[in-house]
C-alpha atoms as a PDB file:
ATOM      1  CA  MET A   1       4.759  -1.170  17.995  1.00  0.00           C
ATOM      2  CA  ARG A   2       3.499  -1.489  14.471  1.00  0.00           C
ATOM      3  CA  LYS A   3       4.874   0.921  11.859  1.00  0.00           C
ATOM      4  CA  LYS A   4       2.957   4.031  10.835  1.00  0.00           C
ATOM      5  CA  ILE A   5       3.116   4.087   7.080  1.00  0.00           C
ATOM      6  CA  VAL A   6       2.030   6.716   4.378  1.00  0.00           C
ATOM      7  CA  ALA A   7       2.401   5.347   0.926  1.00  0.00           C
ATOM      8  CA  GLY A   8       1.834   7.212  -2.336  1.00  0.00           C
ATOM      9  CA  ASN A   9       0.545   5.451  -5.316  1.00  0.00           C
ATOM     10  CA  TRP A  10       1.179   7.618  -8.425  1.00  0.00           C
ATOM     11  CA  LYS A  11      -0.570   5.127 -10.773  1.00  0.00           C
ATOM     12  CA  MET A  12      -0.133   5.906 -14.425  1.00  0.00           C
ATOM     13  CA  ASN A  13       0.648   9.578 -13.992  1.00  0.00           C
ATOM     14  CA  LEU A  14       3.714  11.932 -14.453  1.00  0.00           C
ATOM     15  CA  ASP A  15       6.211  11.939 -17.202  1.00  0.00           C
ATOM     16  CA  TYR A  16       9.907  11.289 -16.236  1.00  0.00           C
ATOM     17  CA  GLN A  17      10.911  14.876 -15.382  1.00  0.00           C
ATOM     18  CA  SER A  18       7.709  15.675 -13.569  1.00  0.00           C
ATOM     19  CA  GLY A  19       8.190  12.457 -11.377  1.00  0.00           C
ATOM     20  CA  LEU A  20      11.699  13.546 -10.463  1.00  0.00           C
ATOM     21  CA  SER A  21      10.664  17.018  -9.612  1.00  0.00           C
ATOM     22  CA  LEU A  22       7.816  15.875  -7.471  1.00  0.00           C
ATOM     23  CA  PHE A  23       9.978  13.279  -5.607  1.00  0.00           C
ATOM     24  CA  SER A  24      12.701  15.803  -4.917  1.00  0.00           C
ATOM     25  CA  GLU A  25      10.054  18.130  -3.358  1.00  0.00           C
ATOM     26  CA  ILE A  26       8.818  15.313  -1.248  1.00  0.00           C
ATOM     27  CA  ILE A  27      12.252  14.398  -0.028  1.00  0.00           C
ATOM     28  CA  ASN A  28      13.138  17.985   0.864  1.00  0.00           C
ATOM     29  CA  MET A  29       9.941  18.479   2.735  1.00  0.00           C
ATOM     30  CA  ALA A  30      10.203  15.190   4.546  1.00  0.00           C
ATOM     31  CA  LYS A  31      13.705  16.151   5.790  1.00  0.00           C
ATOM     32  CA  ASP A  32      12.288  19.409   7.226  1.00  0.00           C
ATOM     33  CA  GLU A  33       8.864  18.543   8.368  1.00  0.00           C
ATOM     34  CA  VAL A  34       8.208  14.932   9.061  1.00  0.00           C
ATOM     35  CA  ILE A  35       9.634  14.460  12.438  1.00  0.00           C
ATOM     36  CA  GLY A  36       8.054  11.261  13.759  1.00  0.00           C
ATOM     37  CA  ASN A  37       8.852   7.630  13.198  1.00  0.00           C
ATOM     38  CA  GLN A  38       6.429   7.289  10.366  1.00  0.00           C
ATOM     39  CA  GLU A  39       7.651   5.783   7.089  1.00  0.00           C
ATOM     40  CA  LEU A  40       6.973   7.340   3.559  1.00  0.00           C
ATOM     41  CA  VAL A  41       6.771   5.100   0.557  1.00  0.00           C
ATOM     42  CA  VAL A  42       6.478   6.472  -3.008  1.00  0.00           C
ATOM     43  CA  CYS A  43       5.283   3.834  -5.536  1.00  0.00           C
ATOM     44  CA  SER A  44       5.906   5.332  -8.950  1.00  0.00           C
ATOM     45  CA  PRO A  45       5.687   4.129 -12.493  1.00  0.00           C
ATOM     46  CA  PHE A  46       8.623   1.923 -13.588  1.00  0.00           C
ATOM     47  CA  ILE A  47      10.290   4.583 -15.612  1.00  0.00           C
ATOM     48  CA  HIS A  48      10.978   6.526 -12.407  1.00  0.00           C
ATOM     49  CA  LEU A  49      12.241   3.916 -10.130  1.00  0.00           C
ATOM     50  CA  SER A  50      15.967   3.822 -10.929  1.00  0.00           C
ATOM     51  CA  SER A  51      16.325   7.629 -10.622  1.00  0.00           C
ATOM     52  CA  LEU A  52      14.098   7.779  -7.472  1.00  0.00           C
ATOM     53  CA  GLY A  53      16.406   5.048  -6.040  1.00  0.00           C
ATOM     54  CA  GLN A  54      19.366   7.306  -6.487  1.00  0.00           C
ATOM     55  CA  LEU A  55      17.650  10.377  -5.029  1.00  0.00           C
ATOM     56  CA  SER A  56      16.564   8.402  -1.974  1.00  0.00           C
ATOM     57  CA  LYS A  57      19.767   6.639  -1.142  1.00  0.00           C
ATOM     58  CA  ASN A  58      20.650   8.822   1.894  1.00  0.00           C
ATOM     59  CA  VAL A  59      17.051   9.548   3.016  1.00  0.00           C
ATOM     60  CA  THR A  60      16.118   7.447   6.073  1.00  0.00           C
ATOM     61  CA  ASN A  61      12.240   7.943   6.178  1.00  0.00           C
ATOM     62  CA  VAL A  62      11.381   7.918   2.379  1.00  0.00           C
ATOM     63  CA  ASN A  63      11.364   4.672   0.509  1.00  0.00           C
ATOM     64  CA  ILE A  64      10.277   3.748  -3.037  1.00  0.00           C
ATOM     65  CA  GLY A  65       8.174   0.945  -4.368  1.00  0.00           C
ATOM     66  CA  ALA A  66       6.757  -0.497  -7.566  1.00  0.00           C
ATOM     67  CA  GLN A  67       3.073  -0.759  -8.424  1.00  0.00           C
ATOM     68  CA  ASN A  68       3.195  -4.359  -9.718  1.00  0.00           C
ATOM     69  CA  ILE A  69       5.577  -7.198 -10.500  1.00  0.00           C
ATOM     70  CA  HIS A  70       5.314 -10.360 -12.498  1.00  0.00           C
ATOM     71  CA  GLN A  71       5.037 -13.609 -10.779  1.00  0.00           C
ATOM     72  CA  ALA A  72       7.996 -15.257 -12.711  1.00  0.00           C
ATOM     73  CA  GLU A  73      11.598 -14.888 -11.740  1.00  0.00           C
ATOM     74  CA  SER A  74      12.444 -14.022 -15.367  1.00  0.00           C
ATOM     75  CA  GLY A  75      11.767 -15.041 -19.011  1.00  0.00           C
ATOM     76  CA  ALA A  76       9.883 -14.457 -22.069  1.00  0.00           C
ATOM     77  CA  TYR A  77       7.149 -12.032 -20.602  1.00  0.00           C
ATOM     78  CA  THR A  78       7.349  -9.051 -22.902  1.00  0.00           C
ATOM     79  CA  GLY A  79       6.342  -5.849 -21.222  1.00  0.00           C
ATOM     80  CA  GLU A  80       6.604  -7.192 -17.676  1.00  0.00           C
ATOM     81  CA  ILE A  81       9.119  -6.572 -14.805  1.00  0.00           C
ATOM     82  CA  SER A  82      10.366  -8.933 -12.194  1.00  0.00           C
ATOM     83  CA  ALA A  83      10.750  -8.603  -8.401  1.00  0.00           C
ATOM     84  CA  ALA A  84      14.598  -8.892  -8.977  1.00  0.00           C
ATOM     85  CA  GLN A  85      14.622  -5.950 -11.418  1.00  0.00           C
ATOM     86  CA  VAL A  86      12.587  -3.873  -8.970  1.00  0.00           C
ATOM     87  CA  LYS A  87      14.773  -4.665  -6.048  1.00  0.00           C
ATOM     88  CA  SER A  88      17.965  -3.890  -8.081  1.00  0.00           C
ATOM     89  CA  VAL A  89      17.175  -0.244  -8.401  1.00  0.00           C
ATOM     90  CA  GLY A  90      16.733   0.268  -4.700  1.00  0.00           C
ATOM     91  CA  ALA A  91      12.951  -0.219  -4.347  1.00  0.00           C
ATOM     92  CA  SER A  92      11.815  -1.767  -0.920  1.00  0.00           C
ATOM     93  CA  HIS A  93       8.063  -2.141  -1.491  1.00  0.00           C
ATOM     94  CA  VAL A  94       5.614  -3.287  -4.063  1.00  0.00           C
ATOM     95  CA  ILE A  95       1.864  -2.737  -4.257  1.00  0.00           C
ATOM     96  CA  LEU A  96      -0.020  -6.106  -4.957  1.00  0.00           C
ATOM     97  CA  GLY A  97      -3.668  -6.881  -5.382  1.00  0.00           C
ATOM     98  CA  HIS A  98      -4.784  -3.200  -6.067  1.00  0.00           C
ATOM     99  CA  SER A  99      -8.402  -2.901  -6.837  1.00  0.00           C
ATOM    100  CA  GLU A 100      -7.487  -1.656 -10.402  1.00  0.00           C
ATOM    101  CA  ARG A 101      -5.285  -4.658 -11.101  1.00  0.00           C
ATOM    102  CA  ARG A 102      -8.022  -6.971  -9.858  1.00  0.00           C
ATOM    103  CA  ALA A 103     -10.723  -5.202 -11.864  1.00  0.00           C
ATOM    104  CA  TYR A 104      -8.933  -4.200 -15.115  1.00  0.00           C
ATOM    105  CA  PHE A 105      -6.409  -6.996 -15.514  1.00  0.00           C
ATOM    106  CA  GLY A 106      -8.300  -9.915 -13.941  1.00  0.00           C
ATOM    107  CA  GLU A 107      -5.663 -10.646 -11.194  1.00  0.00           C
ATOM    108  CA  THR A 108      -6.869 -13.536  -9.066  1.00  0.00           C
ATOM    109  CA  ASP A 109      -6.239 -14.451  -5.493  1.00  0.00           C
ATOM    110  CA  ALA A 110      -4.024 -17.365  -6.744  1.00  0.00           C
ATOM    111  CA  LEU A 111      -2.049 -15.204  -8.959  1.00  0.00           C
ATOM    112  CA  LEU A 112      -1.442 -12.628  -6.151  1.00  0.00           C
ATOM    113  CA  ALA A 113      -0.342 -15.383  -3.837  1.00  0.00           C
ATOM    114  CA  ALA A 114       2.393 -16.268  -6.356  1.00  0.00           C
ATOM    115  CA  LYS A 115       3.402 -12.530  -6.691  1.00  0.00           C
ATOM    116  CA  VAL A 116       3.574 -12.182  -2.902  1.00  0.00           C
ATOM    117  CA  ASP A 117       5.881 -15.254  -2.783  1.00  0.00           C
ATOM    118  CA  VAL A 118       8.271 -13.892  -5.368  1.00  0.00           C
ATOM    119  CA  ALA A 119       8.357 -10.448  -3.680  1.00  0.00           C
ATOM    120  CA  LEU A 120       9.156 -11.730  -0.399  1.00  0.00           C
ATOM    121  CA  LYS A 121      11.880 -13.957  -1.898  1.00  0.00           C
ATOM    122  CA  HIS A 122      13.534 -10.830  -3.132  1.00  0.00           C
ATOM    123  CA  GLY A 123      13.260  -8.877  -0.090  1.00  0.00           C
ATOM    124  CA  LEU A 124      10.328  -6.646  -1.260  1.00  0.00           C
ATOM    125  CA  THR A 125       7.612  -5.617   1.135  1.00  0.00           C
ATOM    126  CA  PRO A 126       4.232  -6.322  -0.334  1.00  0.00           C
ATOM    127  CA  ILE A 127       1.572  -3.642   0.194  1.00  0.00           C
ATOM    128  CA  PHE A 128      -1.320  -6.082  -0.205  1.00  0.00           C
ATOM    129  CA  CYS A 129      -4.595  -4.515  -1.025  1.00  0.00           C
ATOM    130  CA  ILE A 130      -8.035  -5.983  -0.105  1.00  0.00           C
ATOM    131  CA  GLY A 131     -11.489  -4.454  -0.282  1.00  0.00           C
ATOM    132  CA  GLU A 132     -14.961  -4.647  -1.554  1.00  0.00           C
ATOM    133  CA  THR A 133     -16.928  -3.176  -4.484  1.00  0.00           C
ATOM    134  CA  LYS A 134     -20.268  -1.184  -4.223  1.00  0.00           C
ATOM    135  CA  GLU A 135     -22.180  -4.161  -5.096  1.00  0.00           C
ATOM    136  CA  GLU A 136     -20.378  -6.364  -2.526  1.00  0.00           C
ATOM    137  CA  ARG A 137     -20.874  -3.747   0.163  1.00  0.00           C
ATOM    138  CA  GLU A 138     -24.645  -3.550  -0.582  1.00  0.00           C
ATOM    139  CA  SER A 139     -25.092  -7.164  -0.585  1.00  0.00           C
ATOM    140  CA  GLY A 140     -23.790  -7.465   2.996  1.00  0.00           C
ATOM    141  CA  ASP A 141     -21.158  -9.999   2.093  1.00  0.00           C
ATOM    142  CA  PHE A 142     -18.228  -7.690   2.195  1.00  0.00           C
ATOM    143  CA  PHE A 143     -16.632  -9.139   5.342  1.00  0.00           C
ATOM    144  CA  GLU A 144     -16.626 -12.592   3.727  1.00  0.00           C
ATOM    145  CA  ILE A 145     -15.178 -11.066   0.620  1.00  0.00           C
ATOM    146  CA  ILE A 146     -12.353  -9.457   2.525  1.00  0.00           C
ATOM    147  CA  LYS A 147     -11.687 -12.561   4.448  1.00  0.00           C
ATOM    148  CA  THR A 148     -11.444 -14.614   1.286  1.00  0.00           C
ATOM    149  CA  GLN A 149      -8.911 -12.235  -0.171  1.00  0.00           C
ATOM    150  CA  LEU A 150      -6.773 -12.409   2.928  1.00  0.00           C
ATOM    151  CA  THR A 151      -7.043 -16.266   3.038  1.00  0.00           C
ATOM    152  CA  ALA A 152      -6.395 -17.029  -0.524  1.00  0.00           C
ATOM    153  CA  GLY A 153      -3.806 -14.421  -1.172  1.00  0.00           C
ATOM    154  CA  LEU A 154      -1.736 -14.498   2.000  1.00  0.00           C
ATOM    155  CA  PHE A 155      -2.507 -17.270   4.554  1.00  0.00           C
ATOM    156  CA  HIS A 156      -0.237 -19.797   2.914  1.00  0.00           C
ATOM    157  CA  LEU A 157       2.634 -17.857   4.380  1.00  0.00           C
ATOM    158  CA  SER A 158       4.562 -18.768   7.477  1.00  0.00           C
ATOM    159  CA  ASN A 159       4.286 -16.444  10.537  1.00  0.00           C
ATOM    160  CA  GLU A 160       7.761 -15.153   9.671  1.00  0.00           C
ATOM    161  CA  ALA A 161       6.902 -14.449   6.074  1.00  0.00           C
ATOM    162  CA  PHE A 162       3.587 -12.841   7.001  1.00  0.00           C
ATOM    163  CA  ALA A 163       5.263 -10.487   9.379  1.00  0.00           C
ATOM    164  CA  ALA A 164       6.893  -8.841   6.355  1.00  0.00           C
ATOM    165  CA  VAL A 165       3.550  -7.876   4.675  1.00  0.00           C
ATOM    166  CA  VAL A 166       1.805  -4.549   4.838  1.00  0.00           C
ATOM    167  CA  LEU A 167      -2.092  -4.588   4.448  1.00  0.00           C
ATOM    168  CA  ALA A 168      -4.194  -1.934   2.709  1.00  0.00           C
ATOM    169  CA  TYR A 169      -7.931  -1.779   2.867  1.00  0.00           C
ATOM    170  CA  GLU A 170      -9.562  -0.229  -0.275  1.00  0.00           C
ATOM    171  CA  PRO A 171     -13.288   0.424  -0.007  1.00  0.00           C
ATOM    172  CA  VAL A 172     -13.583   0.319  -3.797  1.00  0.00           C
ATOM    173  CA  TRP A 173     -17.213   1.705  -3.524  1.00  0.00           C
ATOM    174  CA  ALA A 174     -15.802   4.904  -1.972  1.00  0.00           C
ATOM    175  CA  ILE A 175     -13.130   5.641  -4.702  1.00  0.00           C
ATOM    176  CA  GLY A 176     -14.165   8.108  -7.523  1.00  0.00           C
ATOM    177  CA  THR A 177     -17.975   7.437  -6.823  1.00  0.00           C
ATOM    178  CA  GLY A 178     -18.837  10.430  -4.874  1.00  0.00           C
ATOM    179  CA  LEU A 179     -19.596   8.130  -1.864  1.00  0.00           C
ATOM    180  CA  THR A 180     -17.423   8.401   1.186  1.00  0.00           C
ATOM    181  CA  ALA A 181     -16.379   5.840   3.900  1.00  0.00           C
ATOM    182  CA  SER A 182     -16.613   7.344   7.235  1.00  0.00           C
ATOM    183  CA  PRO A 183     -13.866   6.941   9.781  1.00  0.00           C
ATOM    184  CA  GLU A 184     -16.020   4.598  11.765  1.00  0.00           C
ATOM    185  CA  GLN A 185     -16.880   2.614   8.572  1.00  0.00           C
ATOM    186  CA  ALA A 186     -13.140   2.279   7.880  1.00  0.00           C
ATOM    187  CA  GLN A 187     -12.330   1.363  11.418  1.00  0.00           C
ATOM    188  CA  GLU A 188     -14.926  -1.342  11.463  1.00  0.00           C
ATOM    189  CA  VAL A 189     -13.295  -3.133   8.521  1.00  0.00           C
ATOM    190  CA  HIS A 190      -9.674  -2.571   9.832  1.00  0.00           C
ATOM    191  CA  GLN A 191     -10.711  -4.064  13.083  1.00  0.00           C
ATOM    192  CA  PHE A 192     -12.279  -7.049  11.384  1.00  0.00           C
ATOM    193  CA  ILE A 193      -9.059  -7.426   9.288  1.00  0.00           C
ATOM    194  CA  ARG A 194      -6.980  -7.535  12.342  1.00  0.00           C
ATOM    195  CA  GLN A 195      -9.246 -10.103  14.008  1.00  0.00           C
ATOM    196  CA  VAL A 196      -8.875 -12.354  10.935  1.00  0.00           C
ATOM    197  CA  VAL A 197      -5.222 -12.038  11.144  1.00  0.00           C
ATOM    198  CA  ALA A 198      -5.271 -13.001  14.782  1.00  0.00           C
ATOM    199  CA  GLU A 199      -7.285 -16.073  14.191  1.00  0.00           C
ATOM    200  CA  LYS A 200      -4.570 -17.289  11.742  1.00  0.00           C
ATOM    201  CA  TYR A 201      -1.401 -16.082  13.137  1.00  0.00           C
ATOM    202  CA  GLY A 202      -2.157 -15.102  16.718  1.00  0.00           C
ATOM    203  CA  GLN A 203      -2.895 -11.759  18.436  1.00  0.00           C
ATOM    204  CA  GLU A 204       0.742 -10.661  18.643  1.00  0.00           C
ATOM    205  CA  ALA A 205       1.150 -10.984  14.896  1.00  0.00           C
ATOM    206  CA  ALA A 206      -2.095  -9.167  14.349  1.00  0.00           C
ATOM    207  CA  ASP A 207      -1.085  -6.405  16.719  1.00  0.00           C
ATOM    208  CA  ASN A 208       2.176  -5.993  14.814  1.00  0.00           C
ATOM    209  CA  THR A 209       0.589  -5.824  11.257  1.00  0.00           C
ATOM    210  CA  SER A 210       0.235  -2.389   9.726  1.00  0.00           C
ATOM    211  CA  ILE A 211      -3.028  -1.812   8.049  1.00  0.00           C
ATOM    212  CA  LEU A 212      -3.350   1.177   5.792  1.00  0.00           C
ATOM    213  CA  TYR A 213      -6.505   2.965   4.562  1.00  0.00           C
ATOM    214  CA  GLY A 214      -6.852   3.349   0.837  1.00  0.00           C
ATOM    215  CA  GLY A 215     -10.083   5.044   0.201  1.00  0.00           C
ATOM    216  CA  SER A 216      -9.509   8.677  -1.019  1.00  0.00           C
ATOM    217  CA  CYS A 217      -7.418   9.840   1.895  1.00  0.00           C
ATOM    218  CA  ASN A 218      -6.547  13.495   1.820  1.00  0.00           C
ATOM    219  CA  PRO A 219      -5.277  16.214   4.214  1.00  0.00           C
ATOM    220  CA  GLY A 220      -8.809  17.032   5.149  1.00  0.00           C
ATOM    221  CA  ASN A 221      -9.787  13.627   6.369  1.00  0.00           C
ATOM    222  CA  ALA A 222      -6.358  11.953   7.330  1.00  0.00           C
ATOM    223  CA  LYS A 223      -6.541  13.171  10.873  1.00  0.00           C
ATOM    224  CA  ASP A 224      -9.847  11.578  11.789  1.00  0.00           C
ATOM    225  CA  LEU A 225      -9.013   8.360   9.857  1.00  0.00           C
ATOM    226  CA  PHE A 226      -5.599   8.080  11.425  1.00  0.00           C
ATOM    227  CA  ALA A 227      -7.069   8.583  14.875  1.00  0.00           C
ATOM    228  CA  GLN A 228      -8.855   5.273  14.549  1.00  0.00           C
ATOM    229  CA  ALA A 229      -7.387   2.420  16.700  1.00  0.00           C
ATOM    230  CA  ASP A 230      -6.640   0.054  13.804  1.00  0.00           C
ATOM    231  CA  ILE A 231      -5.792   2.461  11.026  1.00  0.00           C
ATOM    232  CA  ASP A 232      -1.903   2.719  10.785  1.00  0.00           C
ATOM    233  CA  GLY A 233      -1.577   5.143   7.776  1.00  0.00           C
ATOM    234  CA  GLY A 234      -2.776   5.446   4.280  1.00  0.00           C
ATOM    235  CA  LEU A 235      -2.290   4.212   0.643  1.00  0.00           C
ATOM    236  CA  ILE A 236      -2.601   7.605  -0.996  1.00  0.00           C
ATOM    237  CA  GLY A 237      -3.741   8.083  -4.513  1.00  0.00           C
ATOM    238  CA  GLY A 238      -4.473  11.498  -5.984  1.00  0.00           C
ATOM    239  CA  ALA A 239      -3.237  13.452  -3.006  1.00  0.00           C
ATOM    240  CA  SER A 240       0.268  11.688  -3.500  1.00  0.00           C
ATOM    241  CA  LEU A 241       0.633  13.708  -6.781  1.00  0.00           C
ATOM    242  CA  LYS A 242       0.994  16.967  -4.753  1.00  0.00           C
ATOM    243  CA  SER A 243       3.942  17.156  -2.578  1.00  0.00           C
ATOM    244  CA  ARG A 244       2.197  19.530  -0.002  1.00  0.00           C
ATOM    245  CA  ASP A 245      -0.752  17.295   0.261  1.00  0.00           C
ATOM    246  CA  PHE A 246       1.259  14.170   0.683  1.00  0.00           C
ATOM    247  CA  ILE A 247       3.476  15.630   3.423  1.00  0.00           C
ATOM    248  CA  ASP A 248       0.677  17.218   5.259  1.00  0.00           C
ATOM    249  CA  ILE A 249      -1.101  13.595   5.397  1.00  0.00           C
ATOM    250  CA  ALA A 250       2.278  12.200   6.750  1.00  0.00           C
ATOM    251  CA  LYS A 251       2.449  14.951   9.317  1.00  0.00           C
ATOM    252  CA  VAL A 252      -0.763  13.913  10.819  1.00  0.00           C
ATOM    253  CA  PHE A 253       1.450  11.498  12.846  1.00  0.00           C
ATOM    254  CA  ASN A 254       3.743  14.103  14.208  1.00  0.00           C
ATOM    255  CA  GLY A 255       1.066  14.870  16.856  1.00  0.00           C
END
């Protein structure tokens, strides 16, 4: 059975103390209220990671992750951070290919493939993001766009390596635009993603791949989204900055 995962992406928010306070609230609530097998992942800015790693040491269902890594092992890359450095402070996950990284920093599929490789080499679970813009959705080419992102970014991996990857679908057109992806629209794409994975790695691998929804998921719509057959959780943006909202989304899986 594939994992149910609720991952928070704090993006470039919260100073050091605010981040620690929020994470402490999340841990305490998770201990008391999250009773299923769902996994929580908090992906914070780099400044928080070391301290969050210490706070989460003895917590079984809350992990931490980074929002990016460099593709090189180490070296003269001022301002960057490596997979080994992220792993060394207790992180287990890293977000790769987020739409903001693709759009604002020009990250290509080839670059992301290299980042996936170095993440896996150091035992980090990539949360690999794919999705289409408003223009790509309206053109009708969005299925092909998503297939290309999957193929170029991940399909060089062996079956064993791919099994360690979590996917996240981001309908970029529905984030911060006032538009909304319905549960049915989200399910349609998640089902397509699983079919593409099955074509490459086989049905069993596809059935075991967790695919998260990353399009403005909140406590109000999480139940309907997570009820869809191929949606295994969420990559949460704004709602992950409020402990109550984040935990309430996770609790959808409590049943």
